[in-house]
Amino acid sequence: MRGKPSWWDILVDDLDVAQRFYSAVFGWTFPISGPDFVVVFDGTEQVGQLYASSEQVSGRGIRMYFDTDDLEGILAKVASAGGIVKTERTPISPEMGWYGEFTDPSGVTIGLHTSVPAK
């Protein structure tokens, strides 16, 4: 099914504090990290990330990513529908594919994910 949530980011102030909290609450582990993120492993698979950000989008919250087979096609529809493309197709890694992001008319950031190479 396309259009289903496939990834999420929880925007946090402090990665160390967030890792301790979510590890204690859900038992999550964090096998991959960068300067401003850690990938969340739920015991079965990678499901999202904790992301250090001072960004305020409709309050602090979770940024959702939706699966698509046509990343460019979806992004092409954003402006005419009243949104703004923030991030064009961007590689994540050879194993994880690509992502793009846009804001909806109210300024909420939505992400897209694909494992399908550009046409």
Protein backbone atom coordinates (compact mmCIF):
# COMPACT_ATOMS: atom_id res chain seq x y z
CA MET A 1 0.00 0.00 0.00
CA ARG A 2 1.39 3.40 -0.91
CA GLY A 3 0.73 6.48 1.20
CA LYS A 4 1.10 4.63 4.47
CA PRO A 5 3.38 6.00 7.19
CA SER A 6 6.82 4.48 6.77
CA TRP A 7 9.07 6.51 9.07
CA TRP A 8 8.85 9.17 11.77
CA ASP A 9 11.06 11.72 13.49
CA ILE A 10 10.49 12.79 17.06
CA LEU A 11 11.89 16.30 17.41
CA VAL A 12 13.71 16.64 20.75
CA ASP A 13 15.76 19.24 22.61
CA ASP A 14 18.44 16.87 23.90
CA LEU A 15 19.34 13.54 22.26
CA ASP A 16 20.92 12.04 25.37
CA VAL A 17 17.88 12.79 27.53
CA ALA A 18 15.53 11.51 24.81
CA GLN A 19 17.47 8.27 24.34
CA ARG A 20 17.39 7.55 28.06
CA PHE A 21 13.66 8.30 28.21
CA TYR A 22 12.56 6.23 25.20
CA SER A 23 14.90 3.39 26.06
CA ALA A 24 13.36 3.24 29.53
CA VAL A 25 9.77 3.57 28.30
CA PHE A 26 9.77 1.39 25.15
CA GLY A 27 13.09 -0.49 25.29
CA TRP A 28 14.23 1.15 22.05
CA THR A 29 17.89 0.97 21.06
CA PHE A 30 19.78 3.40 18.83
CA PRO A 31 22.23 1.55 16.53
CA ILE A 32 22.93 4.40 14.09
CA SER A 33 23.69 7.99 15.00
CA GLY A 34 24.86 11.26 13.53
CA PRO A 35 25.56 14.71 14.96
CA ASP A 36 21.87 15.58 15.35
CA PHE A 37 19.98 12.25 15.19
CA VAL A 38 19.80 8.66 16.36
CA VAL A 39 17.92 5.93 14.49
CA VAL A 40 15.36 4.03 16.58
CA PHE A 41 15.35 0.21 16.52
CA ASP A 42 12.24 -1.30 18.09
CA GLY A 43 13.68 -4.79 18.48
CA THR A 44 12.49 -5.87 15.04
CA GLU A 45 13.37 -3.09 12.62
CA GLN A 46 14.40 0.55 12.22
CA VAL A 47 11.20 2.57 12.61
CA GLY A 48 12.17 6.22 13.00
CA GLN A 49 14.60 8.58 14.60
CA LEU A 50 15.06 11.01 17.42
CA TYR A 51 16.13 14.30 15.88
CA ALA A 52 17.66 17.22 17.79
CA SER A 53 15.85 20.35 16.67
CA SER A 54 14.67 23.67 17.99
CA GLU A 55 12.14 23.75 15.12
CA GLN A 56 8.59 24.50 16.18
CA VAL A 57 6.04 23.10 13.73
CA SER A 58 2.56 23.18 15.22
CA GLY A 59 4.32 22.69 18.54
CA ARG A 60 6.98 20.08 19.06
CA GLY A 61 5.90 16.74 17.71
CA ILE A 62 6.42 13.86 15.35
CA ARG A 63 7.24 14.34 11.68
CA MET A 64 5.69 11.59 9.57
CA TYR A 65 7.11 10.18 6.36
CA PHE A 66 4.83 8.50 3.83
CA ASP A 67 5.86 5.81 1.37
CA THR A 68 5.53 6.53 -2.35
CA ASP A 69 6.56 4.96 -5.65
CA ASP A 70 6.59 8.40 -7.31
CA LEU A 71 8.52 10.87 -5.14
CA GLU A 72 8.91 13.50 -7.86
CA GLY A 73 5.27 13.16 -8.89
CA ILE A 74 4.04 13.82 -5.37
CA LEU A 75 6.44 16.76 -4.88
CA ALA A 76 5.28 18.22 -8.21
CA LYS A 77 1.72 18.41 -6.84
CA VAL A 78 2.69 20.26 -3.64
CA ALA A 79 2.91 23.86 -4.90
CA SER A 80 -0.32 23.71 -6.89
CA ALA A 81 -2.07 22.33 -3.83
CA GLY A 82 -0.84 25.24 -1.67
CA GLY A 83 2.26 23.75 -0.08
CA ILE A 84 6.01 24.37 -0.37
CA VAL A 85 8.67 21.79 -1.27
CA LYS A 86 11.39 21.98 1.38
CA THR A 87 13.61 19.09 0.28
CA GLU A 88 13.81 17.56 -3.20
CA ARG A 89 14.85 13.89 -3.62
CA THR A 90 17.74 13.36 -1.23
CA PRO A 91 19.65 10.10 -0.69
CA ILE A 92 19.49 8.51 2.74
CA SER A 93 21.72 5.49 2.08
CA PRO A 94 21.92 2.70 -0.51
CA GLU A 95 19.94 0.44 1.84
CA MET A 96 17.26 2.95 2.83
CA GLY A 97 16.55 4.86 -0.41
CA TRP A 98 15.58 8.53 -0.72
CA TYR A 99 13.40 11.13 0.95
CA GLY A 100 11.81 14.48 0.21
CA GLU A 101 9.89 16.95 2.39
CA PHE A 102 7.23 19.60 2.00
CA THR A 103 5.14 21.86 4.17
CA ASP A 104 1.39 21.83 3.95
CA PRO A 105 -0.58 25.10 3.78
CA SER A 106 -0.54 25.43 7.57
CA GLY A 107 3.24 25.01 7.72
CA VAL A 108 3.33 21.42 8.96
CA THR A 109 6.27 19.48 7.52
CA ILE A 110 5.46 16.15 5.88
CA GLY A 111 8.08 13.72 4.60
CA LEU A 112 8.06 11.27 1.74
CA HIS A 113 10.16 8.11 1.43
CA THR A 114 10.89 5.85 -1.54
CA SER A 115 13.09 2.93 -2.38
CA VAL A 116 12.39 3.51 -6.11
CA PRO A 117 15.23 5.21 -8.03
CA ALA A 118 14.48 8.42 -9.95
CA LYS A 119 13.13 7.88 -13.47
